[in-house]
């Protein structure tokens, strides 16, 4: 059996209903692909619009569905993504909702999808507890406090919750893990920043590139792995499994 990597570690199928993402993350692979194939420019990516798929009724998949993968769920666009999400649930899908969460958007999902609570797991991306770091890498995404508030709201409403520390934006994620652990019912995933090139950084931001090289280094990842390898809540994305010589699950 072929090892599952990337999003396949989390779900069997991917769904999206929008194009572009106002988070405008510097490391976003979907953004790089869209620019490469001239579907967007670097300046236009943050402008979100409905994709053609938004007009179609979602179908039932065999296995879990990850939604979304190439955009986020912003409250301002709820008239597009919320009907699509409900459509996925109404036909019987189990959905992994992945987001850098806005409190208003998560409250919207909780209110509209409570009847499907057993078919939903939230997985919120929180790569750092430092707002300066988050703002640099994810300029349009919510603050740390807002993401943790959304995480606690989802847990308190009875939904399954998990966190993705991918990419890991701090050399040592210990403080971050301590802060988020009380609100996680399932797992915390740790992964490297992928698809990073020096040419992506202007000269004045070379320090941030160097810092990410240190975070992604074998020496640092080994320290993080040794610290958390026996923690039953921690899972490792394929980028770290490869570095550590682990069997990719």
Foldseek 3Di string as FASTA:
>chain_A
DDFDADCSVPKDEADEFKAAELLLFLLQPLVVVCCVVVVDNSVCRNPMDTDPCLVDQDAADDIAYEPHDRYAQDPVCCVRVVVNVVSHPVNPHQYEYEHLDAQNRLVVCCVVPVVSQVSYEYEYEDQDQDQVQSCVRRVRGDHNVRSLVSLQVCVVSPHAYEYENVANRDLACVVVCVSNVVSHPAAYEYEHRPPDDCVSDDPVCVVSVVRSCNSLDLVSLVVNCVVCVPPPRYDYHPRSCVSVVHDRD
